[in-house]
């Protein structure tokens, strides 16, 4: 996950913008790579057959998420955020529950401090986060600052 902290506020009277393309989201992600900032640390929870990930995102933080291989639950326990993908934009508030579809790359702007929780199947009951990530996240190539350099994000 890549993040950038910004002091701009989203106001209720903001004009709705068109949804970005996948290419635009990837360009944003690549532009954010050299930005140095503190990233929120996720907390991980395990139950038989399940993996739960909690992330608290401070207000004003812009994030580009990883692309998931499988559908999973998304819950917003606290706060408010705008979620943007090539399929549309929506504001999610505390109490939001949805199924996050696979293959979608999203941009998230935390309007308020926001507590996100995702719930995934964990059929092998592993607690090895590298194994879980390999099972659930699509690998992608990121463009680093030098034009000919790249790194695979897993």
N, C-alpha and C. Protein backbone atom coordinates (compact mmCIF):
# COMPACT_ATOMS: atom_id res chain seq x y z
N UNK A 1 0.85 -1.16 0.00
CA UNK A 1 0.00 0.00 0.00
C UNK A 1 0.90 1.22 0.00
N UNK A 2 0.53 2.21 -0.78
CA UNK A 2 1.30 3.44 -0.86
C UNK A 2 0.44 4.56 -0.33
N UNK A 3 1.04 5.48 0.40
CA UNK A 3 0.26 6.54 1.01
C UNK A 3 0.94 7.89 0.85
N UNK A 4 0.14 8.94 0.87
CA UNK A 4 0.67 10.30 0.91
C UNK A 4 -0.26 11.13 1.76
N UNK A 5 0.28 11.90 2.66
CA UNK A 5 -0.53 12.73 3.54
C UNK A 5 -0.68 14.10 2.88
N UNK A 6 -1.89 14.60 2.85
CA UNK A 6 -2.19 15.86 2.20
C UNK A 6 -3.11 16.65 3.12
N UNK A 7 -2.98 17.97 3.10
CA UNK A 7 -3.80 18.78 3.99
C UNK A 7 -5.08 19.28 3.32
N UNK A 8 -5.32 18.89 2.06
CA UNK A 8 -6.53 19.34 1.37
C UNK A 8 -7.76 18.68 1.98
N UNK A 9 -8.84 19.43 2.06
CA UNK A 9 -10.08 18.90 2.59
C UNK A 9 -11.08 18.69 1.48
N UNK A 10 -11.87 17.65 1.56
CA UNK A 10 -12.96 17.41 0.63
C UNK A 10 -14.21 18.03 1.24
N UNK A 11 -14.84 18.92 0.53
CA UNK A 11 -16.02 19.59 1.06
C UNK A 11 -17.28 19.00 0.47
N UNK A 12 -18.39 19.16 1.18
CA UNK A 12 -19.66 18.60 0.74
C UNK A 12 -20.12 19.19 -0.58
N UNK A 13 -19.68 20.41 -0.91
CA UNK A 13 -20.12 21.03 -2.14
C UNK A 13 -19.16 20.77 -3.31
N UNK A 14 -18.23 19.83 -3.14
CA UNK A 14 -17.29 19.52 -4.21
C UNK A 14 -18.04 18.95 -5.41
N UNK A 15 -17.63 19.34 -6.59
CA UNK A 15 -18.24 18.84 -7.82
C UNK A 15 -17.78 17.41 -8.05
N UNK A 16 -18.69 16.49 -8.30
CA UNK A 16 -18.28 15.11 -8.55
C UNK A 16 -17.39 15.02 -9.79
N UNK A 17 -16.33 14.27 -9.68
CA UNK A 17 -15.40 14.10 -10.80
C UNK A 17 -15.62 12.74 -11.44
N UNK A 18 -15.17 12.63 -12.68
CA UNK A 18 -15.27 11.35 -13.39
C UNK A 18 -14.35 10.33 -12.72
N UNK A 19 -14.67 9.07 -12.89
CA UNK A 19 -13.82 8.01 -12.34
C UNK A 19 -12.54 7.91 -13.16
N UNK A 20 -11.41 7.67 -12.49
CA UNK A 20 -10.15 7.53 -13.22
C UNK A 20 -10.09 6.19 -13.93
N UNK A 21 -9.22 6.08 -14.90
CA UNK A 21 -8.96 4.80 -15.54
C UNK A 21 -7.97 4.01 -14.68
N UNK A 22 -7.84 2.72 -14.92
CA UNK A 22 -6.84 1.91 -14.22
C UNK A 22 -5.45 2.48 -14.47
N UNK A 23 -5.19 2.90 -15.71
CA UNK A 23 -3.90 3.49 -16.05
C UNK A 23 -3.62 4.73 -15.20
N UNK A 24 -4.61 5.57 -15.00
CA UNK A 24 -4.43 6.77 -14.18
C UNK A 24 -4.15 6.42 -12.73
N UNK A 25 -4.82 5.39 -12.22
CA UNK A 25 -4.58 4.97 -10.84
C UNK A 25 -3.15 4.45 -10.68
N UNK A 26 -2.69 3.68 -11.65
CA UNK A 26 -1.32 3.16 -11.61
C UNK A 26 -0.32 4.31 -11.72
N UNK A 27 -0.60 5.31 -12.55
CA UNK A 27 0.28 6.48 -12.66
C UNK A 27 0.34 7.22 -11.32
N UNK A 28 -0.79 7.36 -10.65
CA UNK A 28 -0.80 7.99 -9.33
C UNK A 28 0.06 7.19 -8.36
N UNK A 29 -0.12 5.88 -8.36
CA UNK A 29 0.67 5.02 -7.48
C UNK A 29 2.17 5.20 -7.74
N UNK A 30 2.56 5.20 -9.01
CA UNK A 30 3.97 5.35 -9.35
C UNK A 30 4.49 6.73 -8.94
N UNK A 31 3.66 7.76 -9.06
CA UNK A 31 4.06 9.11 -8.65
C UNK A 31 4.23 9.20 -7.14
N UNK A 32 3.50 8.39 -6.40
CA UNK A 32 3.57 8.41 -4.94
C UNK A 32 4.77 7.63 -4.39
N UNK A 33 5.38 6.78 -5.19
CA UNK A 33 6.47 5.92 -4.70
C UNK A 33 7.60 6.68 -4.01
N UNK A 34 8.09 7.78 -4.57
CA UNK A 34 9.21 8.45 -3.90
C UNK A 34 8.83 9.27 -2.67
N UNK A 35 7.56 9.43 -2.39
CA UNK A 35 7.13 10.23 -1.25
C UNK A 35 7.41 9.47 0.05
N UNK A 36 8.11 10.11 0.94
CA UNK A 36 8.43 9.50 2.22
C UNK A 36 7.44 9.99 3.28
N UNK A 37 6.71 9.08 3.89
CA UNK A 37 5.80 9.44 4.97
C UNK A 37 5.55 8.21 5.83
N UNK A 38 5.05 8.46 7.02
CA UNK A 38 4.70 7.35 7.90
C UNK A 38 3.49 6.64 7.32
N UNK A 39 3.54 5.33 7.32
CA UNK A 39 2.42 4.53 6.85
C UNK A 39 1.77 3.85 8.05
N UNK A 40 0.45 3.80 8.06
CA UNK A 40 -0.20 3.12 9.18
C UNK A 40 0.13 1.63 9.18
N UNK A 41 0.33 1.10 10.35
CA UNK A 41 0.64 -0.33 10.49
C UNK A 41 -0.65 -1.12 10.67
N UNK A 42 -0.87 -2.11 9.83
CA UNK A 42 -2.08 -2.93 10.02
C UNK A 42 -1.94 -3.85 11.23
N UNK A 43 -3.08 -4.21 11.80
CA UNK A 43 -3.13 -5.26 12.84
C UNK A 43 -3.75 -6.47 12.19
N UNK A 44 -3.30 -7.65 12.58
CA UNK A 44 -3.73 -8.90 11.97
C UNK A 44 -4.38 -9.79 13.03
N UNK A 45 -5.48 -10.43 12.64
CA UNK A 45 -6.22 -11.31 13.54
C UNK A 45 -6.53 -12.60 12.80
N UNK A 46 -6.54 -13.70 13.52
CA UNK A 46 -6.74 -15.00 12.91
C UNK A 46 -7.80 -15.80 13.67
N UNK A 47 -8.62 -16.51 12.92
CA UNK A 47 -9.59 -17.47 13.47
C UNK A 47 -9.57 -18.66 12.50
N UNK A 48 -10.04 -19.81 12.92
CA UNK A 48 -10.01 -20.96 12.01
C UNK A 48 -10.65 -20.61 10.65
N UNK A 49 -9.83 -20.72 9.60
CA UNK A 49 -10.32 -20.48 8.24
C UNK A 49 -10.46 -19.02 7.85
N UNK A 50 -10.08 -18.07 8.74
CA UNK A 50 -10.27 -16.65 8.46
C UNK A 50 -9.05 -15.83 8.84
N UNK A 51 -8.88 -14.75 8.10
CA UNK A 51 -7.85 -13.75 8.38
C UNK A 51 -8.51 -12.38 8.32
N UNK A 52 -8.30 -11.59 9.36
CA UNK A 52 -8.89 -10.25 9.44
C UNK A 52 -7.74 -9.25 9.53
N UNK A 53 -7.86 -8.18 8.75
CA UNK A 53 -6.83 -7.14 8.73
C UNK A 53 -7.49 -5.81 9.07
N UNK A 54 -6.92 -5.11 10.04
CA UNK A 54 -7.43 -3.81 10.45
C UNK A 54 -6.39 -2.75 10.09
N UNK A 55 -6.85 -1.64 9.53
CA UNK A 55 -5.97 -0.53 9.19
C UNK A 55 -6.66 0.76 9.59
N UNK A 56 -5.98 1.57 10.40
CA UNK A 56 -6.51 2.88 10.79
C UNK A 56 -5.76 3.93 9.99
N UNK A 57 -6.52 4.66 9.17
CA UNK A 57 -5.95 5.64 8.25
C UNK A 57 -6.29 7.04 8.74
N UNK A 58 -5.26 7.87 8.97
CA UNK A 58 -5.53 9.22 9.48
C UNK A 58 -6.19 10.11 8.42
N UNK A 59 -6.98 11.06 8.88
CA UNK A 59 -7.65 12.01 7.99
C UNK A 59 -6.62 12.69 7.10
N UNK A 60 -6.97 12.84 5.82
CA UNK A 60 -6.11 13.52 4.86
C UNK A 60 -5.14 12.61 4.15
N UNK A 61 -5.05 11.34 4.55
CA UNK A 61 -4.11 10.43 3.91
C UNK A 61 -4.73 9.86 2.64
N UNK A 62 -3.93 9.85 1.58
CA UNK A 62 -4.32 9.29 0.29
C UNK A 62 -3.55 7.99 0.12
N UNK A 63 -4.24 6.92 -0.26
CA UNK A 63 -3.62 5.61 -0.38
C UNK A 63 -4.01 4.98 -1.70
N UNK A 64 -3.10 4.21 -2.27
CA UNK A 64 -3.42 3.37 -3.42
C UNK A 64 -3.27 1.93 -2.93
N UNK A 65 -4.35 1.18 -2.99
CA UNK A 65 -4.34 -0.17 -2.45
C UNK A 65 -3.83 -1.20 -3.43
N UNK A 66 -3.58 -2.36 -2.91
CA UNK A 66 -3.16 -3.50 -3.72
C UNK A 66 -4.40 -4.14 -4.34
N UNK A 67 -4.17 -4.90 -5.40
CA UNK A 67 -5.26 -5.58 -6.10
C UNK A 67 -5.40 -6.99 -5.54
N UNK A 68 -6.61 -7.32 -5.10
CA UNK A 68 -6.86 -8.62 -4.48
C UNK A 68 -7.31 -9.65 -5.52
N UNK A 69 -6.94 -10.91 -5.28
CA UNK A 69 -7.31 -12.01 -6.17
C UNK A 69 -8.72 -12.53 -5.91
N UNK A 70 -9.23 -12.32 -4.70
CA UNK A 70 -10.50 -12.92 -4.30
C UNK A 70 -11.42 -11.89 -3.67
N UNK A 71 -12.71 -12.13 -3.75
CA UNK A 71 -13.67 -11.28 -3.06
C UNK A 71 -13.47 -11.42 -1.55
N UNK A 72 -13.73 -10.33 -0.83
CA UNK A 72 -13.62 -10.35 0.62
C UNK A 72 -14.52 -9.25 1.19
N UNK A 73 -14.76 -9.33 2.50
CA UNK A 73 -15.58 -8.32 3.16
C UNK A 73 -14.74 -7.08 3.47
N UNK A 74 -15.37 -5.92 3.33
CA UNK A 74 -14.80 -4.65 3.76
C UNK A 74 -15.77 -4.03 4.75
N UNK A 75 -15.26 -3.67 5.92
CA UNK A 75 -16.07 -3.00 6.94
C UNK A 75 -15.39 -1.69 7.32
N UNK A 76 -16.19 -0.66 7.51
CA UNK A 76 -15.68 0.60 8.03
C UNK A 76 -16.26 0.74 9.42
N UNK A 77 -15.40 0.67 10.44
CA UNK A 77 -15.86 0.69 11.82
C UNK A 77 -15.95 2.10 12.37
N UNK A 78 -15.14 2.99 11.82
CA UNK A 78 -15.09 4.37 12.33
C UNK A 78 -14.65 5.27 11.19
N UNK A 79 -15.18 6.50 11.16
CA UNK A 79 -14.68 7.50 10.23
C UNK A 79 -15.44 7.58 8.92
N UNK A 80 -14.76 8.22 7.95
CA UNK A 80 -15.36 8.48 6.64
C UNK A 80 -14.24 8.57 5.62
N UNK A 81 -14.45 7.97 4.44
CA UNK A 81 -13.44 8.00 3.38
C UNK A 81 -14.10 7.96 2.02
N UNK A 82 -13.38 8.45 1.03
CA UNK A 82 -13.83 8.30 -0.37
C UNK A 82 -13.02 7.17 -0.98
N UNK A 83 -13.72 6.24 -1.63
CA UNK A 83 -13.10 5.11 -2.30
C UNK A 83 -13.33 5.29 -3.79
N UNK A 84 -12.24 5.25 -4.56
CA UNK A 84 -12.28 5.56 -5.99
C UNK A 84 -11.65 4.41 -6.77
N UNK A 85 -12.33 3.98 -7.82
CA UNK A 85 -11.76 2.99 -8.74
C UNK A 85 -12.22 3.34 -10.14
N UNK A 86 -11.78 2.54 -11.11
CA UNK A 86 -12.24 2.80 -12.48
C UNK A 86 -13.73 2.51 -12.64
N UNK A 87 -14.34 1.90 -11.63
CA UNK A 87 -15.76 1.56 -11.69
C UNK A 87 -16.65 2.57 -10.98
N UNK A 88 -16.05 3.57 -10.35
CA UNK A 88 -16.85 4.59 -9.69
C UNK A 88 -16.21 5.11 -8.42
N UNK A 89 -16.96 5.99 -7.78
CA UNK A 89 -16.54 6.63 -6.54
C UNK A 89 -17.65 6.48 -5.52
N UNK A 90 -17.27 6.33 -4.26
CA UNK A 90 -18.30 6.32 -3.23
C UNK A 90 -17.69 6.77 -1.91
N UNK A 91 -18.54 7.35 -1.10
CA UNK A 91 -18.16 7.73 0.25
C UNK A 91 -18.59 6.58 1.16
N UNK A 92 -17.68 6.11 2.00
CA UNK A 92 -18.00 5.08 2.98
C UNK A 92 -17.88 5.69 4.37
N UNK A 93 -18.85 5.38 5.21
CA UNK A 93 -18.91 5.90 6.58
C UNK A 93 -18.89 4.74 7.55
N UNK A 94 -18.66 5.07 8.82
CA UNK A 94 -18.74 4.07 9.88
C UNK A 94 -20.05 3.30 9.74
N UNK A 95 -19.97 1.98 9.83
CA UNK A 95 -21.14 1.13 9.66
C UNK A 95 -21.23 0.51 8.27
N UNK A 96 -20.38 0.96 7.36
CA UNK A 96 -20.39 0.42 5.99
C UNK A 96 -19.90 -1.02 5.98
N UNK A 97 -20.61 -1.88 5.28
CA UNK A 97 -20.20 -3.27 5.05
C UNK A 97 -20.45 -3.57 3.59
N UNK A 98 -19.44 -4.10 2.91
CA UNK A 98 -19.62 -4.47 1.50
C UNK A 98 -18.72 -5.64 1.16
N UNK A 99 -18.95 -6.18 -0.02
CA UNK A 99 -18.07 -7.21 -0.55
C UNK A 99 -17.17 -6.51 -1.57
N UNK A 100 -15.88 -6.60 -1.33
CA UNK A 100 -14.89 -6.01 -2.22
C UNK A 100 -14.59 -7.04 -3.30
N UNK A 101 -14.83 -6.68 -4.55
CA UNK A 101 -14.66 -7.61 -5.65
C UNK A 101 -13.19 -7.75 -6.03
N UNK A 102 -12.80 -8.91 -6.55
CA UNK A 102 -11.40 -9.12 -6.94
C UNK A 102 -11.04 -8.31 -8.19
N UNK A 103 -9.74 -8.05 -8.34
CA UNK A 103 -9.24 -7.43 -9.55
C UNK A 103 -9.41 -5.93 -9.65
N UNK A 104 -9.84 -5.29 -8.58
CA UNK A 104 -10.10 -3.85 -8.62
C UNK A 104 -8.98 -3.12 -7.88
N UNK A 105 -8.42 -2.10 -8.52
CA UNK A 105 -7.41 -1.25 -7.91
C UNK A 105 -8.11 0.00 -7.41
N UNK A 106 -7.87 0.36 -6.16
CA UNK A 106 -8.61 1.47 -5.54
C UNK A 106 -7.67 2.54 -4.99
N UNK A 107 -8.19 3.75 -5.01
CA UNK A 107 -7.58 4.88 -4.33
C UNK A 107 -8.51 5.22 -3.18
N UNK A 108 -7.94 5.48 -2.02
CA UNK A 108 -8.74 5.83 -0.84
C UNK A 108 -8.23 7.14 -0.28
N UNK A 109 -9.14 8.06 -0.03
CA UNK A 109 -8.83 9.31 0.65
C UNK A 109 -9.60 9.32 1.96
N UNK A 110 -8.88 9.32 3.07
CA UNK A 110 -9.53 9.36 4.39
C UNK A 110 -9.99 10.79 4.66
N UNK A 111 -11.28 10.99 4.72
CA UNK A 111 -11.85 12.31 5.01
C UNK A 111 -11.77 12.57 6.51
N UNK A 112 -11.97 11.53 7.29
CA UNK A 112 -11.80 11.55 8.75
C UNK A 112 -10.87 10.39 9.09
N UNK A 113 -10.36 10.35 10.31
CA UNK A 113 -9.64 9.15 10.74
C UNK A 113 -10.57 7.97 10.50
N UNK A 114 -10.11 6.98 9.75
CA UNK A 114 -10.99 5.89 9.33
C UNK A 114 -10.39 4.54 9.69
N UNK A 115 -11.21 3.69 10.29
CA UNK A 115 -10.82 2.34 10.68
C UNK A 115 -11.44 1.36 9.69
N UNK A 116 -10.59 0.74 8.87
CA UNK A 116 -11.02 -0.25 7.88
C UNK A 116 -10.71 -1.64 8.41
N UNK A 117 -11.59 -2.59 8.12
CA UNK A 117 -11.34 -4.00 8.42
C UNK A 117 -11.70 -4.80 7.18
N UNK A 118 -10.79 -5.70 6.78
CA UNK A 118 -11.11 -6.64 5.71
C UNK A 118 -11.07 -8.04 6.28
N UNK A 119 -11.94 -8.90 5.77
CA UNK A 119 -12.04 -10.28 6.23
C UNK A 119 -11.84 -11.19 5.03
N UNK A 120 -10.87 -12.09 5.13
CA UNK A 120 -10.49 -12.97 4.03
C UNK A 120 -10.56 -14.44 4.47
N UNK A 121 -10.80 -15.32 3.50
CA UNK A 121 -10.65 -16.75 3.76
C UNK A 121 -9.18 -17.05 4.00
N UNK A 122 -8.93 -17.99 4.88
CA UNK A 122 -7.57 -18.44 5.18
C UNK A 122 -7.64 -19.95 5.37
N UNK A 123 -7.88 -20.63 4.26
CA UNK A 123 -8.16 -22.07 4.32
C UNK A 123 -7.01 -22.89 4.87
N UNK A 124 -5.77 -22.40 4.73
CA UNK A 124 -4.63 -23.14 5.25
C UNK A 124 -4.35 -22.82 6.72
N UNK A 125 -5.10 -21.85 7.27
CA UNK A 125 -4.92 -21.41 8.67
C UNK A 125 -3.50 -20.93 8.96
N UNK A 126 -2.80 -20.47 7.95
CA UNK A 126 -1.46 -19.94 8.18
C UNK A 126 -1.54 -18.58 8.86
N UNK A 127 -0.51 -18.26 9.62
CA UNK A 127 -0.38 -16.92 10.18
C UNK A 127 0.85 -16.23 9.59
N UNK A 128 1.40 -16.83 8.55
CA UNK A 128 2.55 -16.27 7.84
C UNK A 128 2.02 -15.23 6.86
N UNK A 129 2.30 -13.96 7.14
CA UNK A 129 1.73 -12.87 6.32
C UNK A 129 2.23 -12.89 4.88
N UNK A 130 3.44 -13.39 4.65
CA UNK A 130 3.94 -13.50 3.27
C UNK A 130 3.14 -14.54 2.49
N UNK A 131 2.79 -15.63 3.13
CA UNK A 131 1.98 -16.67 2.49
C UNK A 131 0.58 -16.12 2.21
N UNK A 132 0.01 -15.45 3.20
CA UNK A 132 -1.33 -14.88 3.02
C UNK A 132 -1.34 -13.88 1.87
N UNK A 133 -0.34 -13.01 1.83
CA UNK A 133 -0.27 -12.02 0.76
C UNK A 133 -0.13 -12.70 -0.60
N UNK A 134 0.69 -13.72 -0.70
CA UNK A 134 0.86 -14.43 -1.97
C UNK A 134 -0.46 -15.08 -2.41
N UNK A 135 -1.25 -15.54 -1.46
CA UNK A 135 -2.53 -16.18 -1.78
C UNK A 135 -3.60 -15.18 -2.19
N UNK A 136 -3.51 -13.95 -1.69
CA UNK A 136 -4.61 -12.99 -1.85
C UNK A 136 -4.32 -11.76 -2.70
N UNK A 137 -3.05 -11.43 -2.92
CA UNK A 137 -2.70 -10.19 -3.61
C UNK A 137 -2.07 -10.48 -4.97
N UNK A 138 -2.52 -9.74 -6.00
CA UNK A 138 -1.93 -9.84 -7.33
C UNK A 138 -0.57 -9.16 -7.32
N UNK A 139 0.48 -9.85 -7.78
CA UNK A 139 1.77 -9.16 -7.88
C UNK A 139 1.68 -8.07 -8.95
N UNK A 140 2.42 -7.00 -8.77
CA UNK A 140 2.43 -5.94 -9.78
C UNK A 140 3.81 -5.33 -9.84
N UNK A 141 4.14 -4.76 -10.98
CA UNK A 141 5.43 -4.11 -11.18
C UNK A 141 5.26 -2.62 -10.95
N UNK A 142 6.11 -2.07 -10.10
CA UNK A 142 6.08 -0.64 -9.80
C UNK A 142 7.24 0.03 -10.51
N UNK A 143 6.99 1.22 -11.04
CA UNK A 143 8.06 2.01 -11.67
C UNK A 143 8.74 2.82 -10.58
N UNK A 144 10.04 2.61 -10.41
CA UNK A 144 10.80 3.37 -9.44
C UNK A 144 11.32 4.64 -10.09
N UNK A 145 12.03 5.47 -9.32
CA UNK A 145 12.41 6.80 -9.81
C UNK A 145 13.24 6.78 -11.08
N UNK A 146 14.12 5.83 -11.25
CA UNK A 146 14.90 5.76 -12.48
C UNK A 146 14.03 5.15 -13.58
N UNK A 147 14.06 5.71 -14.80
CA UNK A 147 13.15 5.26 -15.85
C UNK A 147 13.27 3.78 -16.20
N UNK A 148 14.45 3.18 -16.07
CA UNK A 148 14.62 1.79 -16.47
C UNK A 148 14.57 0.82 -15.29
N UNK A 149 14.28 1.33 -14.10
CA UNK A 149 14.24 0.43 -12.95
C UNK A 149 12.80 0.12 -12.57
N UNK A 150 12.59 -1.06 -12.10
CA UNK A 150 11.26 -1.44 -11.62
C UNK A 150 11.42 -2.45 -10.52
N UNK A 151 10.35 -2.62 -9.75
CA UNK A 151 10.36 -3.54 -8.62
C UNK A 151 9.02 -4.25 -8.62
N UNK A 152 9.04 -5.54 -8.34
CA UNK A 152 7.79 -6.27 -8.27
C UNK A 152 7.22 -6.14 -6.88
N UNK A 153 5.97 -5.67 -6.79
CA UNK A 153 5.28 -5.54 -5.52
C UNK A 153 4.42 -6.78 -5.35
N UNK A 154 4.62 -7.49 -4.27
CA UNK A 154 3.83 -8.69 -4.02
C UNK A 154 3.02 -8.49 -2.77
